[in-house]
Amino acid sequence: MEDVAKYAGVSKSTVSRVINNKTVSRNNYNRIIEAIEQLDYQPNKLAQSLASRSTGLIGMLLYRPLRFDVAKTVQQFEQAGLLSVLVVIEKDRASLHQASQKLRHYGCDLIAIQSLFHNGLFIHGQKNKLSELTNLLSCSAVRLRTHYLYLPFNERFND
């Protein structure tokens, strides 16, 4: 971001305002966009997550064998702007607990657990993150409790 600011002749905070879709003068905006393109600047998602306190990660705990439905769901999460962290687990409580702790350490905003008995995912997270997810996916997941959703694999997502 420092390089972009130098190239455009503005402060880092002005570059930050453009990256975060805040208001800046048209002249500064154009110079910053040109600098971003010339320098091939890519915002650092890790740094942004520190500031926003949101990683955009969804941890997925999946059992073997992996199904095609899972791949389609991961693709839909990614199209909604979420990055999936996949962990394949064994069908025992200890494996599930260890994997979910690992995903929490990585700062996943949501954790999706493949159901053993239903054709879908149980998704755990903060209430506002669950609401964001259903809005991003334009789907009607079933709210089970305050911090849980059930998302069937056969759920049709609106394109």
C-alpha atoms as a PDB file:
ATOM      1  CA  MET A   1       0.000   0.000   0.000  1.00  0.00           C
ATOM      2  CA  GLU A   2       2.978   2.270   0.681  1.00  0.00           C
ATOM      3  CA  ASP A   3       4.195   1.793  -2.892  1.00  0.00           C
ATOM      4  CA  VAL A   4       0.760   2.664  -4.271  1.00  0.00           C
ATOM      5  CA  ALA A   5       0.649   5.809  -2.105  1.00  0.00           C
ATOM      6  CA  LYS A   6       4.111   6.914  -3.316  1.00  0.00           C
ATOM      7  CA  TYR A   7       3.284   6.199  -6.962  1.00  0.00           C
ATOM      8  CA  ALA A   8       0.001   8.142  -6.733  1.00  0.00           C
ATOM      9  CA  GLY A   9       1.470  10.948  -4.608  1.00  0.00           C
ATOM     10  CA  VAL A  10      -1.060  10.511  -1.799  1.00  0.00           C
ATOM     11  CA  SER A  11      -1.053   9.230   1.780  1.00  0.00           C
ATOM     12  CA  LYS A  12      -1.531   5.577   2.765  1.00  0.00           C
ATOM     13  CA  SER A  13      -4.799   6.522   4.441  1.00  0.00           C
ATOM     14  CA  THR A  14      -6.114   7.894   1.126  1.00  0.00           C
ATOM     15  CA  VAL A  15      -5.186   4.613  -0.582  1.00  0.00           C
ATOM     16  CA  SER A  16      -6.938   2.759   2.220  1.00  0.00           C
ATOM     17  CA  ARG A  17     -10.061   4.850   1.697  1.00  0.00           C
ATOM     18  CA  VAL A  18     -10.187   3.871  -1.983  1.00  0.00           C
ATOM     19  CA  ILE A  19      -9.588   0.173  -1.245  1.00  0.00           C
ATOM     20  CA  ASN A  20     -12.370   0.228   1.366  1.00  0.00           C
ATOM     21  CA  ASN A  21     -14.800   2.085  -0.927  1.00  0.00           C
ATOM     22  CA  LYS A  22     -14.773   5.302   1.092  1.00  0.00           C
ATOM     23  CA  THR A  23     -15.141   8.750  -0.455  1.00  0.00           C
ATOM     24  CA  VAL A  24     -12.092  10.527  -1.919  1.00  0.00           C
ATOM     25  CA  SER A  25     -11.746  13.200  -4.570  1.00  0.00           C
ATOM     26  CA  ARG A  26     -12.167  12.068  -8.173  1.00  0.00           C
ATOM     27  CA  ASN A  27      -8.590  13.135  -8.973  1.00  0.00           C
ATOM     28  CA  ASN A  28      -7.091  11.112  -6.097  1.00  0.00           C
ATOM     29  CA  TYR A  29      -9.316   8.162  -6.912  1.00  0.00           C
ATOM     30  CA  ASN A  30      -8.148   8.062 -10.536  1.00  0.00           C
ATOM     31  CA  ARG A  31      -4.469   8.374  -9.547  1.00  0.00           C
ATOM     32  CA  ILE A  32      -4.781   5.588  -6.977  1.00  0.00           C
ATOM     33  CA  ILE A  33      -6.607   3.249  -9.370  1.00  0.00           C
ATOM     34  CA  GLU A  34      -3.920   3.874 -11.987  1.00  0.00           C
ATOM     35  CA  ALA A  35      -1.191   3.144  -9.402  1.00  0.00           C
ATOM     36  CA  ILE A  36      -2.945  -0.056  -8.315  1.00  0.00           C
ATOM     37  CA  GLU A  37      -3.121  -1.233 -11.932  1.00  0.00           C
ATOM     38  CA  GLN A  38       0.456  -0.228 -12.778  1.00  0.00           C
ATOM     39  CA  LEU A  39       1.903  -1.890  -9.670  1.00  0.00           C
ATOM     40  CA  ASP A  40      -0.474  -4.880  -9.831  1.00  0.00           C
ATOM     41  CA  TYR A  41      -1.338  -4.241  -6.174  1.00  0.00           C
ATOM     42  CA  GLN A  42      -3.430  -6.870  -4.392  1.00  0.00           C
ATOM     43  CA  PRO A  43      -4.831  -6.028  -0.946  1.00  0.00           C
ATOM     44  CA  ASN A  44      -3.564  -8.330   1.800  1.00  0.00           C
ATOM     45  CA  LYS A  45      -6.612 -10.251   3.036  1.00  0.00           C
ATOM     46  CA  LEU A  46      -4.800 -11.251   6.231  1.00  0.00           C
ATOM     47  CA  ALA A  47      -4.073  -7.629   7.118  1.00  0.00           C
ATOM     48  CA  GLN A  48      -7.653  -6.651   6.301  1.00  0.00           C
ATOM     49  CA  SER A  49      -8.958  -9.392   8.565  1.00  0.00           C
ATOM     50  CA  LEU A  50      -7.013  -7.933  11.492  1.00  0.00           C
ATOM     51  CA  ALA A  51      -8.693  -4.576  11.019  1.00  0.00           C
ATOM     52  CA  SER A  52     -12.184  -5.924  10.300  1.00  0.00           C
ATOM     53  CA  ARG A  53     -12.016  -8.817  12.800  1.00  0.00           C
ATOM     54  CA  SER A  54     -13.503 -11.019  10.113  1.00  0.00           C
ATOM     55  CA  THR A  55     -11.472 -13.528   8.116  1.00  0.00           C
ATOM     56  CA  GLY A  56     -14.004 -14.509   5.467  1.00  0.00           C
ATOM     57  CA  LEU A  57     -13.031 -18.127   6.175  1.00  0.00           C
ATOM     58  CA  ILE A  58     -15.512 -20.944   6.486  1.00  0.00           C
ATOM     59  CA  GLY A  59     -14.058 -24.073   8.029  1.00  0.00           C
ATOM     60  CA  MET A  60     -15.573 -27.269   6.697  1.00  0.00           C
ATOM     61  CA  LEU A  61     -15.334 -30.559   8.588  1.00  0.00           C
ATOM     62  CA  LEU A  62     -16.019 -33.352   6.135  1.00  0.00           C
ATOM     63  CA  TYR A  63     -16.126 -37.134   6.295  1.00  0.00           C
ATOM     64  CA  ARG A  64     -14.712 -39.553   3.748  1.00  0.00           C
ATOM     65  CA  PRO A  65     -15.639 -40.248   1.025  1.00  0.00           C
ATOM     66  CA  LEU A  66     -16.089 -36.680  -0.203  1.00  0.00           C
ATOM     67  CA  ARG A  67     -19.199 -36.169  -2.277  1.00  0.00           C
ATOM     68  CA  PHE A  68     -19.829 -34.096  -5.382  1.00  0.00           C
ATOM     69  CA  ASP A  69     -22.430 -32.091  -3.436  1.00  0.00           C
ATOM     70  CA  VAL A  70     -19.649 -30.920  -1.102  1.00  0.00           C
ATOM     71  CA  ALA A  71     -17.581 -29.619  -4.015  1.00  0.00           C
ATOM     72  CA  LYS A  72     -20.562 -27.685  -5.373  1.00  0.00           C
ATOM     73  CA  THR A  73     -21.213 -26.165  -1.953  1.00  0.00           C
ATOM     74  CA  VAL A  74     -17.558 -25.110  -1.590  1.00  0.00           C
ATOM     75  CA  GLN A  75     -17.779 -23.481  -5.019  1.00  0.00           C
ATOM     76  CA  GLN A  76     -20.911 -21.577  -3.974  1.00  0.00           C
ATOM     77  CA  PHE A  77     -19.205 -20.372  -0.772  1.00  0.00           C
ATOM     78  CA  GLU A  78     -16.262 -19.142  -2.839  1.00  0.00           C
ATOM     79  CA  GLN A  79     -18.563 -17.360  -5.305  1.00  0.00           C
ATOM     80  CA  ALA A  80     -20.055 -15.589  -2.268  1.00  0.00           C
ATOM     81  CA  GLY A  81     -16.583 -14.346  -1.292  1.00  0.00           C
ATOM     82  CA  LEU A  82     -15.756 -16.902   1.399  1.00  0.00           C
ATOM     83  CA  LEU A  83     -12.601 -18.982   1.425  1.00  0.00           C
ATOM     84  CA  SER A  84     -13.139 -22.591   2.494  1.00  0.00           C
ATOM     85  CA  VAL A  85     -10.696 -24.392   4.747  1.00  0.00           C
ATOM     86  CA  LEU A  86     -11.365 -28.122   4.363  1.00  0.00           C
ATOM     87  CA  VAL A  87     -10.499 -30.665   7.023  1.00  0.00           C
ATOM     88  CA  VAL A  88     -11.296 -34.335   6.431  1.00  0.00           C
ATOM     89  CA  ILE A  89     -12.142 -36.050   9.706  1.00  0.00           C
ATOM     90  CA  GLU A  90     -12.822 -39.537  10.985  1.00  0.00           C
ATOM     91  CA  LYS A  91     -16.250 -40.530  12.238  1.00  0.00           C
ATOM     92  CA  ASP A  92     -15.469 -40.143  15.940  1.00  0.00           C
ATOM     93  CA  ARG A  93     -16.021 -37.414  18.502  1.00  0.00           C
ATOM     94  CA  ALA A  94     -12.310 -36.845  19.264  1.00  0.00           C
ATOM     95  CA  SER A  95     -11.469 -36.221  15.601  1.00  0.00           C
ATOM     96  CA  LEU A  96     -14.389 -33.799  15.300  1.00  0.00           C
ATOM     97  CA  HIS A  97     -13.349 -31.906  18.450  1.00  0.00           C
ATOM     98  CA  GLN A  98      -9.675 -31.605  17.446  1.00  0.00           C
ATOM     99  CA  ALA A  99     -10.535 -30.419  13.946  1.00  0.00           C
ATOM    100  CA  SER A 100     -13.076 -27.836  15.149  1.00  0.00           C
ATOM    101  CA  GLN A 101     -10.517 -26.446  17.631  1.00  0.00           C
ATOM    102  CA  LYS A 102      -7.962 -26.178  14.815  1.00  0.00           C
ATOM    103  CA  LEU A 103     -10.416 -24.233  12.644  1.00  0.00           C
ATOM    104  CA  ARG A 104     -11.187 -21.857  15.527  1.00  0.00           C
ATOM    105  CA  HIS A 105      -7.444 -21.211  15.930  1.00  0.00           C
ATOM    106  CA  TYR A 106      -7.322 -20.216  12.258  1.00  0.00           C
ATOM    107  CA  GLY A 107     -10.039 -17.668  12.948  1.00  0.00           C
ATOM    108  CA  CYS A 108     -12.790 -19.138  10.796  1.00  0.00           C
ATOM    109  CA  ASP A 109     -15.902 -16.959  10.922  1.00  0.00           C
ATOM    110  CA  LEU A 110     -18.125 -20.006  10.364  1.00  0.00           C
ATOM    111  CA  ILE A 111     -17.654 -23.735  10.843  1.00  0.00           C
ATOM    112  CA  ALA A 112     -19.646 -26.178   8.703  1.00  0.00           C
ATOM    113  CA  ILE A 113     -19.895 -29.805   9.804  1.00  0.00           C
ATOM    114  CA  GLN A 114     -21.062 -32.481   7.383  1.00  0.00           C
ATOM    115  CA  SER A 115     -24.026 -34.345   8.787  1.00  0.00           C
ATOM    116  CA  LEU A 116     -23.658 -38.093   9.126  1.00  0.00           C
ATOM    117  CA  PHE A 117     -27.411 -38.649   9.038  1.00  0.00           C
ATOM    118  CA  HIS A 118     -28.699 -35.901   6.742  1.00  0.00           C
ATOM    119  CA  ASN A 119     -27.700 -34.727   3.285  1.00  0.00           C
ATOM    120  CA  GLY A 120     -26.249 -31.362   4.294  1.00  0.00           C
ATOM    121  CA  LEU A 121     -24.104 -29.194   6.523  1.00  0.00           C
ATOM    122  CA  PHE A 122     -24.654 -27.891  10.033  1.00  0.00           C
ATOM    123  CA  ILE A 123     -23.147 -24.405  10.164  1.00  0.00           C
ATOM    124  CA  HIS A 124     -22.066 -22.775  13.423  1.00  0.00           C
ATOM    125  CA  GLY A 125     -21.129 -19.140  13.872  1.00  0.00           C
ATOM    126  CA  GLN A 126     -22.088 -15.799  15.317  1.00  0.00           C
ATOM    127  CA  LYS A 127     -25.661 -14.798  14.579  1.00  0.00           C
ATOM    128  CA  ASN A 128     -24.654 -11.887  12.316  1.00  0.00           C
ATOM    129  CA  LYS A 129     -22.240 -14.114  10.342  1.00  0.00           C
ATOM    130  CA  LEU A 130     -25.000 -16.674   9.768  1.00  0.00           C
ATOM    131  CA  SER A 131     -27.309 -13.907   8.523  1.00  0.00           C
ATOM    132  CA  GLU A 132     -24.554 -12.621   6.201  1.00  0.00           C
ATOM    133  CA  LEU A 133     -24.090 -16.151   4.853  1.00  0.00           C
ATOM    134  CA  THR A 134     -27.757 -16.645   4.018  1.00  0.00           C
ATOM    135  CA  ASN A 135     -27.819 -13.198   2.353  1.00  0.00           C
ATOM    136  CA  LEU A 136     -24.626 -13.907   0.365  1.00  0.00           C
ATOM    137  CA  LEU A 137     -25.917 -17.257  -0.847  1.00  0.00           C
ATOM    138  CA  SER A 138     -29.473 -16.012  -1.407  1.00  0.00           C
ATOM    139  CA  CYS A 139     -30.796 -19.207   0.095  1.00  0.00           C
ATOM    140  CA  SER A 140     -33.111 -20.228   2.856  1.00  0.00           C
ATOM    141  CA  ALA A 141     -31.101 -22.313   5.254  1.00  0.00           C
ATOM    142  CA  VAL A 142     -33.034 -23.644   8.227  1.00  0.00           C
ATOM    143  CA  ARG A 143     -32.232 -21.850  11.484  1.00  0.00           C
ATOM    144  CA  LEU A 144     -31.937 -24.486  14.182  1.00  0.00           C
ATOM    145  CA  ARG A 145     -30.891 -22.325  17.116  1.00  0.00           C
ATOM    146  CA  THR A 146     -29.376 -18.868  17.534  1.00  0.00           C
ATOM    147  CA  HIS A 147     -25.902 -19.908  16.397  1.00  0.00           C
ATOM    148  CA  TYR A 148     -26.706 -22.824  14.062  1.00  0.00           C
ATOM    149  CA  LEU A 149     -28.048 -23.266  10.539  1.00  0.00           C
ATOM    150  CA  TYR A 150     -28.748 -26.389   8.538  1.00  0.00           C
ATOM    151  CA  LEU A 151     -27.926 -26.125   4.830  1.00  0.00           C
ATOM    152  CA  PRO A 152     -29.097 -29.093   2.728  1.00  0.00           C
ATOM    153  CA  PHE A 153     -26.747 -30.044  -0.113  1.00  0.00           C
ATOM    154  CA  ASN A 154     -29.680 -30.087  -2.504  1.00  0.00           C
ATOM    155  CA  GLU A 155     -30.509 -26.435  -1.619  1.00  0.00           C
ATOM    156  CA  ARG A 156     -30.950 -24.436  -4.818  1.00  0.00           C
ATOM    157  CA  PHE A 157     -28.955 -21.237  -4.744  1.00  0.00           C
ATOM    158  CA  ASN A 158     -30.194 -18.255  -6.709  1.00  0.00           C
ATOM    159  CA  ASP A 159     -27.778 -17.162  -9.460  1.00  0.00           C
END
